[in-house]
Protein backbone atom coordinates (compact mmCIF):
# COMPACT_ATOMS: atom_id res chain seq x y z
CA UNK A 1 -59.32 -10.24 59.85
CA UNK A 2 -62.31 -11.06 57.79
CA UNK A 3 -62.03 -7.89 55.53
CA UNK A 4 -58.75 -8.80 54.53
CA UNK A 5 -57.70 -9.12 50.82
CA UNK A 6 -58.05 -12.04 49.38
CA UNK A 7 -57.11 -10.79 45.94
CA UNK A 8 -54.35 -12.76 44.14
CA UNK A 9 -51.73 -9.85 43.07
CA UNK A 10 -49.46 -11.85 41.50
CA UNK A 11 -51.96 -12.87 38.72
CA UNK A 12 -53.40 -9.54 38.65
CA UNK A 13 -49.71 -8.12 37.57
CA UNK A 14 -49.49 -11.01 35.43
CA UNK A 15 -53.06 -10.27 34.00
CA UNK A 16 -52.09 -6.31 33.35
CA UNK A 17 -48.45 -7.04 32.05
CA UNK A 18 -49.02 -7.54 28.66
CA UNK A 19 -51.31 -4.60 27.90
CA UNK A 20 -48.52 -2.47 29.47
CA UNK A 21 -45.65 -4.23 27.60
CA UNK A 22 -47.29 -3.62 24.38
CA UNK A 23 -47.95 0.02 25.11
CA UNK A 24 -44.16 0.42 26.15
CA UNK A 25 -43.29 -1.40 22.80
CA UNK A 26 -45.61 1.43 20.89
CA UNK A 27 -43.57 4.16 22.57
CA UNK A 28 -39.96 2.94 21.80
CA UNK A 29 -40.81 2.21 18.16
CA UNK A 30 -42.42 6.15 18.28
CA UNK A 31 -38.61 7.00 19.95
CA UNK A 32 -37.05 5.11 17.53
CA UNK A 33 -38.73 6.50 14.44
CA UNK A 34 -37.71 10.16 15.36
CA UNK A 35 -34.91 11.78 13.70
CA UNK A 36 -34.06 13.48 16.84
CA UNK A 37 -33.13 10.52 18.57
CA UNK A 38 -29.66 9.47 17.73
CA UNK A 39 -29.72 5.73 16.81
CA UNK A 40 -27.36 4.63 19.62
CA UNK A 41 -29.50 6.84 22.01
CA UNK A 42 -32.48 5.21 20.84
CA UNK A 43 -30.96 1.50 21.23
CA UNK A 44 -29.91 2.12 25.05
CA UNK A 45 -33.51 3.57 25.63
CA UNK A 46 -34.64 0.23 24.51
CA UNK A 47 -32.23 -1.70 26.24
CA UNK A 48 -33.02 0.08 29.45
CA UNK A 49 -36.36 0.33 29.13
CA UNK A 50 -37.05 -3.31 28.02
CA UNK A 51 -35.27 -5.20 30.97
CA UNK A 52 -38.50 -7.07 32.49
CA UNK A 53 -39.40 -6.15 36.09
CA UNK A 54 -43.06 -6.26 37.68
CA UNK A 55 -44.16 -3.21 36.04
CA UNK A 56 -45.44 -1.67 39.18
CA UNK A 57 -45.74 1.96 38.77
CA UNK A 58 -47.76 1.71 35.08
CA UNK A 59 -50.00 -0.85 37.09
CA UNK A 60 -50.66 1.79 40.27
CA UNK A 61 -51.61 4.25 37.32
CA UNK A 62 -53.58 1.91 35.61
CA UNK A 63 -55.45 0.64 38.68
CA UNK A 64 -55.81 4.07 40.34
CA UNK A 65 -57.62 4.97 36.95
CA UNK A 66 -59.87 2.53 37.02
CA UNK A 67 -60.71 2.68 40.74
CA UNK A 68 -61.60 6.50 40.19
CA UNK A 69 -63.80 5.71 37.27
CA UNK A 70 -61.81 6.03 34.09
CA UNK A 71 -62.23 3.75 31.44
CA UNK A 72 -59.83 4.13 28.06
CA UNK A 73 -58.98 0.53 27.34
CA UNK A 74 -55.42 1.22 25.33
CA UNK A 75 -54.99 5.02 25.99
CA UNK A 76 -54.73 4.37 29.86
CA UNK A 77 -52.06 2.07 29.44
CA UNK A 78 -50.22 4.34 26.85
CA UNK A 79 -50.33 6.90 29.68
CA UNK A 80 -49.33 4.55 32.56
CA UNK A 81 -46.20 3.54 30.37
CA UNK A 82 -44.97 7.35 30.52
CA UNK A 83 -43.90 6.69 34.63
CA UNK A 84 -42.26 3.51 33.42
CA UNK A 85 -39.78 5.50 31.12
CA UNK A 86 -39.06 7.71 33.61
CA UNK A 87 -38.27 4.48 36.10
CA UNK A 88 -36.28 3.28 33.54
CA UNK A 89 -34.19 6.68 33.38
CA UNK A 90 -33.65 6.41 36.73
CA UNK A 91 -32.40 2.80 36.78
CA UNK A 92 -30.07 3.65 33.55
CA UNK A 93 -28.59 6.33 35.77
CA UNK A 94 -28.30 4.72 38.94
CA UNK A 95 -26.46 1.82 37.53
CA UNK A 96 -23.70 4.49 35.95
CA UNK A 97 -19.89 3.93 37.76
CA UNK A 98 -20.66 7.69 38.76
CA UNK A 99 -23.71 6.52 40.63
CA UNK A 100 -23.66 2.66 42.01
CA UNK A 101 -21.70 1.35 39.63
CA UNK A 102 -24.13 -1.54 38.60
CA UNK A 103 -23.34 -4.03 36.11
CA UNK A 104 -26.23 -5.99 36.26
CA UNK A 105 -29.53 -5.22 36.07
CA UNK A 106 -32.71 -7.68 36.57
CA UNK A 107 -29.71 -10.49 35.92
CA UNK A 108 -29.25 -8.89 32.54
CA UNK A 109 -25.79 -6.87 31.83
CA UNK A 110 -26.39 -3.00 32.82
CA UNK A 111 -27.46 -0.56 29.76
CA UNK A 112 -23.83 1.29 30.74
CA UNK A 113 -22.01 -2.01 30.12
CA UNK A 114 -23.83 -3.00 26.69
CA UNK A 115 -24.20 0.35 25.01
CA UNK A 116 -21.28 2.41 26.98
CA UNK A 117 -21.28 5.34 29.51
CA UNK A 118 -22.37 8.62 27.20
CA UNK A 119 -24.78 6.85 24.88
CA UNK A 120 -26.67 5.66 28.28
CA UNK A 121 -26.47 9.05 29.72
CA UNK A 122 -27.91 10.65 27.23
CA UNK A 123 -30.35 8.25 26.33
CA UNK A 124 -32.05 8.42 30.12
CA UNK A 125 -32.13 11.85 30.23
CA UNK A 126 -34.17 12.40 26.93
CA UNK A 127 -36.23 9.68 28.66
CA UNK A 128 -38.02 12.59 30.92
CA UNK A 129 -39.27 15.20 28.22
CA UNK A 130 -40.16 11.78 26.08
CA UNK A 131 -42.15 10.87 28.60
CA UNK A 132 -43.84 14.09 29.21
CA UNK A 133 -44.70 14.13 25.43
CA UNK A 134 -45.61 10.69 25.66
CA UNK A 135 -48.09 11.14 28.91
CA UNK A 136 -49.79 14.34 26.88
CA UNK A 137 -50.95 12.51 23.94
CA UNK A 138 -52.36 9.88 26.22
CA UNK A 139 -54.13 12.16 28.24
CA UNK A 140 -55.67 13.63 25.27
CA UNK A 141 -56.35 10.10 23.76
CA UNK A 142 -58.45 9.43 27.11
CA UNK A 143 -60.23 12.37 26.83
CA UNK A 144 -58.92 14.90 29.31
CA UNK A 145 -59.46 18.71 28.18
CA UNK A 146 -56.41 20.28 27.77
CA UNK A 147 -55.53 21.70 31.33
CA UNK A 148 -56.09 18.31 32.67
CA UNK A 149 -53.79 16.61 30.12
CA UNK A 150 -51.69 19.30 30.53
CA UNK A 151 -51.82 19.10 34.69
CA UNK A 152 -51.05 15.01 34.02
CA UNK A 153 -47.97 15.83 32.09
CA UNK A 154 -46.69 18.16 34.72
CA UNK A 155 -47.19 15.51 37.87
CA UNK A 156 -44.95 13.29 35.98
CA UNK A 157 -41.91 15.95 35.45
CA UNK A 158 -42.47 17.20 39.06
CA UNK A 159 -42.04 13.74 39.89
CA UNK A 160 -39.09 13.23 37.70
CA UNK A 161 -37.05 16.75 38.44
CA UNK A 162 -35.29 18.12 41.05
CA UNK A 163 -37.84 17.73 43.46
CA UNK A 164 -38.16 14.35 42.78
CA UNK A 165 -36.12 11.57 41.37
CA UNK A 166 -33.17 13.74 39.50
CA UNK A 167 -32.95 15.74 43.13
CA UNK A 168 -33.12 12.16 44.94
CA UNK A 169 -30.27 11.04 43.09
CA UNK A 170 -28.76 13.68 43.92
CA UNK A 171 -29.15 13.37 47.61
CA UNK A 172 -28.05 9.92 47.88
CA UNK A 173 -25.10 10.63 46.06
CA UNK A 174 -24.60 13.38 49.01
CA UNK A 175 -25.35 11.43 51.51
CA UNK A 176 -22.50 8.09 50.57
CA UNK A 177 -20.06 7.49 54.11
CA UNK A 178 -22.68 9.63 55.94
CA UNK A 179 -24.64 8.05 58.74
CA UNK A 180 -28.55 9.63 58.26
CA UNK A 181 -30.65 9.81 60.75
CA UNK A 182 -34.56 9.32 59.96
CA UNK A 183 -35.82 12.69 58.94
CA UNK A 184 -32.92 12.87 56.22
CA UNK A 185 -33.36 9.28 54.80
CA UNK A 186 -37.07 9.64 54.66
CA UNK A 187 -36.42 13.03 52.89
CA UNK A 188 -34.39 11.11 50.71
CA UNK A 189 -36.43 8.06 49.67
CA UNK A 190 -39.48 10.58 49.33
CA UNK A 191 -37.65 11.82 46.60
CA UNK A 192 -36.16 8.91 44.54
CA UNK A 193 -38.28 6.22 45.29
CA UNK A 194 -41.52 7.52 46.72
CA UNK A 195 -42.18 10.82 44.15
CA UNK A 196 -42.76 8.39 40.97
CA UNK A 197 -44.65 5.66 43.20
CA UNK A 198 -46.90 8.80 44.27
CA UNK A 199 -47.11 10.03 40.86
CA UNK A 200 -48.70 6.88 39.64
CA UNK A 201 -51.73 7.11 41.71
CA UNK A 202 -52.24 11.14 41.01
CA UNK A 203 -52.13 11.15 37.17
CA UNK A 204 -54.35 7.90 37.14
CA UNK A 205 -56.62 9.79 39.32
CA UNK A 206 -56.17 12.90 37.91
CA UNK A 207 -56.60 11.58 34.21
CA UNK A 208 -59.93 10.11 35.60
CA UNK A 209 -61.68 13.60 36.80
CA UNK A 210 -61.10 12.06 40.51
CA UNK A 211 -62.40 14.40 42.98
CA UNK A 212 -59.98 16.80 44.96
CA UNK A 213 -60.26 14.42 48.38
CA UNK A 214 -60.40 11.25 46.45
CA UNK A 215 -56.96 12.51 44.79
CA UNK A 216 -55.46 13.49 48.19
CA UNK A 217 -55.91 10.09 49.47
CA UNK A 218 -54.30 8.64 46.61
CA UNK A 219 -51.67 10.70 47.00
CA UNK A 220 -51.27 9.95 50.94
CA UNK A 221 -51.03 6.12 49.87
CA UNK A 222 -48.81 6.86 46.93
CA UNK A 223 -46.37 8.27 49.48
CA UNK A 224 -46.97 5.50 52.23
CA UNK A 225 -46.22 2.61 49.96
CA UNK A 226 -42.91 4.51 48.41
CA UNK A 227 -41.55 4.20 51.93
CA UNK A 228 -42.49 1.04 52.35
CA UNK A 229 -41.14 -0.07 49.09
CA UNK A 230 -37.77 1.06 49.63
CA UNK A 231 -37.96 -0.43 53.37
CA UNK A 232 -38.02 -3.80 51.97
CA UNK A 233 -35.78 -2.90 49.01
CA UNK A 234 -33.27 -2.22 52.01
CA UNK A 235 -34.34 -5.24 53.27
CA UNK A 236 -33.74 -7.47 50.33
CA UNK A 237 -29.99 -5.77 49.64
CA UNK A 238 -29.05 -6.71 53.30
CA UNK A 239 -30.37 -10.45 52.91
CA UNK A 240 -30.72 -11.63 49.44
CA UNK A 241 -28.22 -12.84 46.71
CA UNK A 242 -27.29 -11.89 43.55
CA UNK A 243 -29.52 -14.42 41.71
CA UNK A 244 -32.43 -13.81 43.75
CA UNK A 245 -32.12 -10.00 43.45
CA UNK A 246 -30.48 -9.73 40.08
CA UNK A 247 -27.65 -7.71 40.74
CA UNK A 248 -25.72 -7.32 43.19
CA UNK A 249 -26.17 -6.23 46.51
CA UNK A 250 -24.17 -2.33 46.95
CA UNK A 251 -25.48 -0.28 49.79
CA UNK A 252 -22.57 -1.89 51.95
CA UNK A 253 -19.73 -1.26 49.54
CA UNK A 254 -21.02 2.09 48.52
CA UNK A 255 -21.50 2.90 52.37
CA UNK A 256 -25.26 3.80 51.91
CA UNK A 257 -27.78 4.35 54.77
CA UNK A 258 -30.44 2.24 54.96
CA UNK A 259 -33.11 1.50 57.09
CA UNK A 260 -32.04 -1.82 58.13
CA UNK A 261 -28.57 -0.06 59.45
CA UNK A 262 -30.90 2.18 60.88
CA UNK A 263 -33.46 0.17 62.76
CA UNK A 264 -32.72 -3.49 62.25
CA UNK A 265 -34.67 -5.91 60.30
CA UNK A 266 -37.09 -6.43 62.82
CA UNK A 267 -38.14 -3.31 63.59
CA UNK A 268 -37.64 -2.29 59.79
CA UNK A 269 -39.94 -4.78 58.56
CA UNK A 270 -42.39 -3.81 61.75
CA UNK A 271 -41.75 0.33 59.81
CA UNK A 272 -42.86 -1.24 56.52
CA UNK A 273 -45.75 -2.95 57.98
CA UNK A 274 -46.92 0.26 59.40
CA UNK A 275 -46.58 2.51 56.21
CA UNK A 276 -48.50 -0.40 54.51
CA UNK A 277 -51.71 -0.11 57.10
CA UNK A 278 -51.32 4.21 56.79
CA UNK A 279 -51.68 3.65 52.88
CA UNK A 280 -54.84 1.45 53.14
CA UNK A 281 -56.39 3.34 55.88
CA UNK A 282 -56.44 6.65 53.71
CA UNK A 283 -57.93 4.58 51.14
CA UNK A 284 -60.83 3.37 53.12
CA UNK A 285 -60.68 7.01 54.52
CA UNK A 286 -61.94 8.48 51.23
CA UNK A 287 -64.05 5.90 50.18
CA UNK A 288 -61.96 4.35 47.27
CA UNK A 289 -63.03 0.61 47.44
CA UNK A 290 -60.17 -1.29 45.62
CA UNK A 291 -59.00 -4.60 46.31
CA UNK A 292 -56.26 -4.39 43.80
CA UNK A 293 -54.64 -1.20 45.55
CA UNK A 294 -55.09 -2.61 48.81
CA UNK A 295 -53.43 -5.66 47.26
CA UNK A 296 -50.92 -4.06 45.73
CA UNK A 297 -49.95 -2.23 48.64
CA UNK A 298 -49.06 -5.64 50.92
CA UNK A 299 -47.14 -6.84 47.70
CA UNK A 300 -44.76 -3.98 48.58
CA UNK A 301 -43.86 -5.06 51.59
CA UNK A 302 -44.23 -9.30 50.75
CA UNK A 303 -41.29 -8.51 48.90
CA UNK A 304 -38.90 -7.85 51.69
CA UNK A 305 -39.65 -10.67 53.68
């Protein structure tokens, strides 16, 4: 394994975090200053978007952009945080009593516990168009011509919409109490988890003006690590405590199908590893040289080990 990536991925994540957090704070302050966003919803947005986390999606976007030759400093982080805004919406809705009924998120009270269900439901929903506005402005600031800037915003909306996270949440609800097979479970998580992870890579590539071939490779990479990420999540949900997770494991209580229930722990880990290998192969096949992306792919499954 002489070609194995030796990058300290945790140090890389930590190094990118301050710029991501600064961009997110800029975006939240812009939202708070808008006259068309009620104060209770702005407060819920701030709570839901600032609960911490590794900020994997925006970091993937920045890393993809850089790997494709992009250069834009602050503006690329402003673009990347639009993906974190979509992620925040999904967590705020996932935690609602009508979905996972989770009282904790990353060790803190969930947004609906602090700000109530009505404000949280509305605040999360308006994060979707606000993220589109954020992405469009950031893409223009990066120098993208108008068709490419609109393409960037459209990719984020597609990942958030009925064919992505919103649709995935709906399918997730329909699947409670049912034993889903491999194809159904893969389809659910390609929408709910994988769509935004894949969009993070594609948005970075499009903003940097990457070739169609490179963009296709990054899309395959994103979809593969999306599945690997969800399998690792299922492993953690089955094996880790609430103290480790920062939330109460809920899949078994809600009678949800998981990769652990479907395959068992060892086979689930093997499947996650296979998806990571597929992701890395897609980069190398298209000449995308990025130690960071390869290390991030491996990091996705290391969380579940």
